[in-house]
Amino acid sequence: MKTKVGLWIDHRKAIVVAVTEKGEEIREIISEVEKQPRHSGDSPLKGAYESHQVPADDSLQRNFTGQLNIYYDAVIAYIRDAESMLIFGPGEAKDELKKRLEKNNLGSRIVDIETVDKMTDHQIAAKIRQHFAASH
């Protein structure tokens, strides 16, 4: 069975639409990634500021990257068997996922990557249907 997959992705969630001869299936994959690494503790402008209250930037970044890796692995596990993939979304996540797919020898299955803004699930599914219908 030939499966074509389209997905809208950012750092918070991925909406995956799998199109097969049997129809389509929509799945949402939520990431556990916090928006961006942030310092906790007092601001130096507000008074008491002790360096030990603030995690080091590199540990915040490592945690953020680790969470992203788990998220991307979950997305890849779901789309791994697709014959062709359309990836789109608003930010860096689509390019980061592309690099991960290439590392997993799946880069050749990517048919297109597009930058788009936020979309509803219905808009995402329609875009994917339209893309793969036009490519027949």
C-alpha atoms as a PDB file:
ATOM      1  CA  MET A   1       0.000   0.000   0.000  1.00  0.00           C
ATOM      2  CA  LYS A   2       1.333   3.402  -0.939  1.00  0.00           C
ATOM      3  CA  THR A   3       1.067   5.962   1.834  1.00  0.00           C
ATOM      4  CA  LYS A   4       1.593   9.653   1.312  1.00  0.00           C
ATOM      5  CA  VAL A   5       2.048  11.768   4.411  1.00  0.00           C
ATOM      6  CA  GLY A   6       1.731  15.473   4.912  1.00  0.00           C
ATOM      7  CA  LEU A   7       2.451  17.199   8.151  1.00  0.00           C
ATOM      8  CA  TRP A   8       2.237  20.639   9.640  1.00  0.00           C
ATOM      9  CA  ILE A   9       4.804  20.962  12.408  1.00  0.00           C
ATOM     10  CA  ASP A  10       6.097  23.434  14.958  1.00  0.00           C
ATOM     11  CA  HIS A  11       7.877  22.886  18.274  1.00  0.00           C
ATOM     12  CA  ARG A  12       4.584  22.320  20.147  1.00  0.00           C
ATOM     13  CA  LYS A  13       2.709  19.873  17.939  1.00  0.00           C
ATOM     14  CA  ALA A  14       2.579  18.056  14.629  1.00  0.00           C
ATOM     15  CA  ILE A  15      -0.595  17.416  12.665  1.00  0.00           C
ATOM     16  CA  VAL A  16       0.027  14.364  10.478  1.00  0.00           C
ATOM     17  CA  VAL A  17      -2.294  13.397   7.648  1.00  0.00           C
ATOM     18  CA  ALA A  18      -1.682   9.976   6.111  1.00  0.00           C
ATOM     19  CA  VAL A  19      -3.332   9.474   2.710  1.00  0.00           C
ATOM     20  CA  THR A  20      -3.772   5.894   1.467  1.00  0.00           C
ATOM     21  CA  GLU A  21      -6.040   4.093  -0.982  1.00  0.00           C
ATOM     22  CA  LYS A  22      -8.396   3.478   1.959  1.00  0.00           C
ATOM     23  CA  GLY A  23      -8.751   7.177   2.770  1.00  0.00           C
ATOM     24  CA  GLU A  24      -7.009   9.484   5.180  1.00  0.00           C
ATOM     25  CA  GLU A  25      -6.105   9.433   8.827  1.00  0.00           C
ATOM     26  CA  ILE A  26      -5.309  12.526  10.869  1.00  0.00           C
ATOM     27  CA  ARG A  27      -3.151  12.287  13.962  1.00  0.00           C
ATOM     28  CA  GLU A  28      -1.901  14.957  16.344  1.00  0.00           C
ATOM     29  CA  ILE A  29       1.450  14.455  18.057  1.00  0.00           C
ATOM     30  CA  ILE A  30       2.033  16.797  20.994  1.00  0.00           C
ATOM     31  CA  SER A  31       5.535  17.655  22.140  1.00  0.00           C
ATOM     32  CA  GLU A  32       6.597  18.075  25.744  1.00  0.00           C
ATOM     33  CA  VAL A  33       8.930  20.877  24.703  1.00  0.00           C
ATOM     34  CA  GLU A  34       8.717  24.064  26.693  1.00  0.00           C
ATOM     35  CA  LYS A  35       8.410  27.151  24.549  1.00  0.00           C
ATOM     36  CA  GLN A  36      12.020  28.276  24.924  1.00  0.00           C
ATOM     37  CA  PRO A  37      14.697  27.737  27.538  1.00  0.00           C
ATOM     38  CA  ARG A  38      14.251  30.380  30.241  1.00  0.00           C
ATOM     39  CA  HIS A  39      16.061  31.408  33.358  1.00  0.00           C
ATOM     40  CA  SER A  40      14.293  31.039  36.663  1.00  0.00           C
ATOM     41  CA  GLY A  41      15.056  33.160  39.671  1.00  0.00           C
ATOM     42  CA  ASP A  42      15.190  36.868  40.287  1.00  0.00           C
ATOM     43  CA  SER A  43      16.123  39.412  37.706  1.00  0.00           C
ATOM     44  CA  PRO A  44      19.324  41.354  38.354  1.00  0.00           C
ATOM     45  CA  LEU A  45      17.198  44.486  37.997  1.00  0.00           C
ATOM     46  CA  LYS A  46      14.833  43.492  40.801  1.00  0.00           C
ATOM     47  CA  GLY A  47      17.331  42.828  43.544  1.00  0.00           C
ATOM     48  CA  ALA A  48      18.664  39.572  44.970  1.00  0.00           C
ATOM     49  CA  TYR A  49      20.220  37.641  42.165  1.00  0.00           C
ATOM     50  CA  GLU A  50      22.298  34.604  42.894  1.00  0.00           C
ATOM     51  CA  SER A  51      23.908  32.692  40.077  1.00  0.00           C
ATOM     52  CA  HIS A  52      23.148  29.328  41.688  1.00  0.00           C
ATOM     53  CA  GLN A  53      19.396  30.065  41.378  1.00  0.00           C
ATOM     54  CA  VAL A  54      19.671  30.101  37.590  1.00  0.00           C
ATOM     55  CA  PRO A  55      20.383  26.921  35.648  1.00  0.00           C
ATOM     56  CA  ALA A  56      23.274  27.261  33.227  1.00  0.00           C
ATOM     57  CA  ASP A  57      22.292  28.145  29.668  1.00  0.00           C
ATOM     58  CA  ASP A  58      23.858  24.970  28.325  1.00  0.00           C
ATOM     59  CA  SER A  59      21.840  22.749  30.680  1.00  0.00           C
ATOM     60  CA  LEU A  60      18.623  24.525  29.639  1.00  0.00           C
ATOM     61  CA  GLN A  61      19.591  24.103  25.999  1.00  0.00           C
ATOM     62  CA  ARG A  62      20.463  20.424  26.520  1.00  0.00           C
ATOM     63  CA  ASN A  63      17.073  19.831  28.144  1.00  0.00           C
ATOM     64  CA  PHE A  64      15.291  21.688  25.320  1.00  0.00           C
ATOM     65  CA  THR A  65      17.216  19.726  22.665  1.00  0.00           C
ATOM     66  CA  GLY A  66      16.544  16.438  24.458  1.00  0.00           C
ATOM     67  CA  GLN A  67      12.811  17.135  24.541  1.00  0.00           C
ATOM     68  CA  LEU A  68      12.863  18.075  20.850  1.00  0.00           C
ATOM     69  CA  ASN A  69      14.710  14.850  19.978  1.00  0.00           C
ATOM     70  CA  ILE A  70      12.054  12.748  21.748  1.00  0.00           C
ATOM     71  CA  TYR A  71       9.323  14.674  19.900  1.00  0.00           C
ATOM     72  CA  TYR A  72      10.984  14.312  16.475  1.00  0.00           C
ATOM     73  CA  ASP A  73      11.597  10.606  17.102  1.00  0.00           C
ATOM     74  CA  ALA A  74       7.865  10.142  17.808  1.00  0.00           C
ATOM     75  CA  VAL A  75       6.957  11.969  14.581  1.00  0.00           C
ATOM     76  CA  ILE A  76       9.487   9.952  12.545  1.00  0.00           C
ATOM     77  CA  ALA A  77       8.243   6.666  14.038  1.00  0.00           C
ATOM     78  CA  TYR A  78       4.744   7.535  12.843  1.00  0.00           C
ATOM     79  CA  ILE A  79       5.712   8.619   9.296  1.00  0.00           C
ATOM     80  CA  ARG A  80       8.653   6.258   8.696  1.00  0.00           C
ATOM     81  CA  ASP A  81       6.780   3.960   6.266  1.00  0.00           C
ATOM     82  CA  ALA A  82       5.443   6.750   4.053  1.00  0.00           C
ATOM     83  CA  GLU A  83       6.406   6.632   0.407  1.00  0.00           C
ATOM     84  CA  SER A  84       6.386  10.436   0.122  1.00  0.00           C
ATOM     85  CA  MET A  85       6.219  13.289   2.614  1.00  0.00           C
ATOM     86  CA  LEU A  86       5.132  16.911   2.439  1.00  0.00           C
ATOM     87  CA  ILE A  87       6.367  18.958   5.416  1.00  0.00           C
ATOM     88  CA  PHE A  88       5.188  22.454   6.220  1.00  0.00           C
ATOM     89  CA  GLY A  89       4.914  24.808   9.162  1.00  0.00           C
ATOM     90  CA  PRO A  90       5.727  28.286  10.445  1.00  0.00           C
ATOM     91  CA  GLY A  91       9.163  27.988  12.052  1.00  0.00           C
ATOM     92  CA  GLU A  92      12.378  26.013  12.310  1.00  0.00           C
ATOM     93  CA  ALA A  93      10.798  22.682  13.251  1.00  0.00           C
ATOM     94  CA  LYS A  94      10.193  21.620   9.638  1.00  0.00           C
ATOM     95  CA  ASP A  95      13.873  22.080   8.756  1.00  0.00           C
ATOM     96  CA  GLU A  96      15.002  20.378  11.968  1.00  0.00           C
ATOM     97  CA  LEU A  97      12.733  17.426  11.156  1.00  0.00           C
ATOM     98  CA  LYS A  98      14.116  17.321   7.597  1.00  0.00           C
ATOM     99  CA  LYS A  99      17.661  16.989   8.990  1.00  0.00           C
ATOM    100  CA  ARG A 100      16.527  14.174  11.296  1.00  0.00           C
ATOM    101  CA  LEU A 101      14.834  12.385   8.395  1.00  0.00           C
ATOM    102  CA  GLU A 102      18.013  12.705   6.333  1.00  0.00           C
ATOM    103  CA  LYS A 103      20.033  11.222   9.215  1.00  0.00           C
ATOM    104  CA  ASN A 104      17.605   8.277   9.213  1.00  0.00           C
ATOM    105  CA  ASN A 105      18.046   7.817   5.436  1.00  0.00           C
ATOM    106  CA  LEU A 106      14.482   9.004   4.822  1.00  0.00           C
ATOM    107  CA  GLY A 107      15.338  12.373   3.241  1.00  0.00           C
ATOM    108  CA  SER A 108      14.726  11.111  -0.301  1.00  0.00           C
ATOM    109  CA  ARG A 109      11.031  10.644   0.520  1.00  0.00           C
ATOM    110  CA  ILE A 110      10.503  14.371   1.201  1.00  0.00           C
ATOM    111  CA  VAL A 111       8.707  15.829  -1.807  1.00  0.00           C
ATOM    112  CA  ASP A 112       8.434  19.409  -0.576  1.00  0.00           C
ATOM    113  CA  ILE A 113       8.981  21.707   2.413  1.00  0.00           C
ATOM    114  CA  GLU A 114       6.957  24.893   2.705  1.00  0.00           C
ATOM    115  CA  THR A 115       6.724  27.771   5.145  1.00  0.00           C
ATOM    116  CA  VAL A 116       3.123  28.411   6.142  1.00  0.00           C
ATOM    117  CA  ASP A 117       1.422  30.090   9.076  1.00  0.00           C
ATOM    118  CA  LYS A 118      -0.927  28.510  11.591  1.00  0.00           C
ATOM    119  CA  MET A 119      -3.671  26.408  10.024  1.00  0.00           C
ATOM    120  CA  THR A 120      -6.701  24.497  11.258  1.00  0.00           C
ATOM    121  CA  ASP A 121      -6.710  20.692  11.019  1.00  0.00           C
ATOM    122  CA  HIS A 122      -9.201  20.935   8.140  1.00  0.00           C
ATOM    123  CA  GLN A 123      -6.984  23.401   6.244  1.00  0.00           C
ATOM    124  CA  ILE A 124      -3.983  21.129   6.788  1.00  0.00           C
ATOM    125  CA  ALA A 125      -5.843  18.046   5.516  1.00  0.00           C
ATOM    126  CA  ALA A 126      -7.178  19.962   2.494  1.00  0.00           C
ATOM    127  CA  LYS A 127      -3.706  21.266   1.609  1.00  0.00           C
ATOM    128  CA  ILE A 128      -2.251  17.754   1.779  1.00  0.00           C
ATOM    129  CA  ARG A 129      -5.082  16.235  -0.292  1.00  0.00           C
ATOM    130  CA  GLN A 130      -4.685  18.989  -2.881  1.00  0.00           C
ATOM    131  CA  HIS A 131      -0.897  18.588  -3.017  1.00  0.00           C
ATOM    132  CA  PHE A 132      -0.967  14.828  -3.561  1.00  0.00           C
ATOM    133  CA  ALA A 133      -3.938  14.991  -5.977  1.00  0.00           C
ATOM    134  CA  ALA A 134      -1.974  17.468  -8.133  1.00  0.00           C
ATOM    135  CA  SER A 135       1.129  15.257  -8.082  1.00  0.00           C
ATOM    136  CA  HIS A 136      -0.635  12.242  -9.631  1.00  0.00           C
END
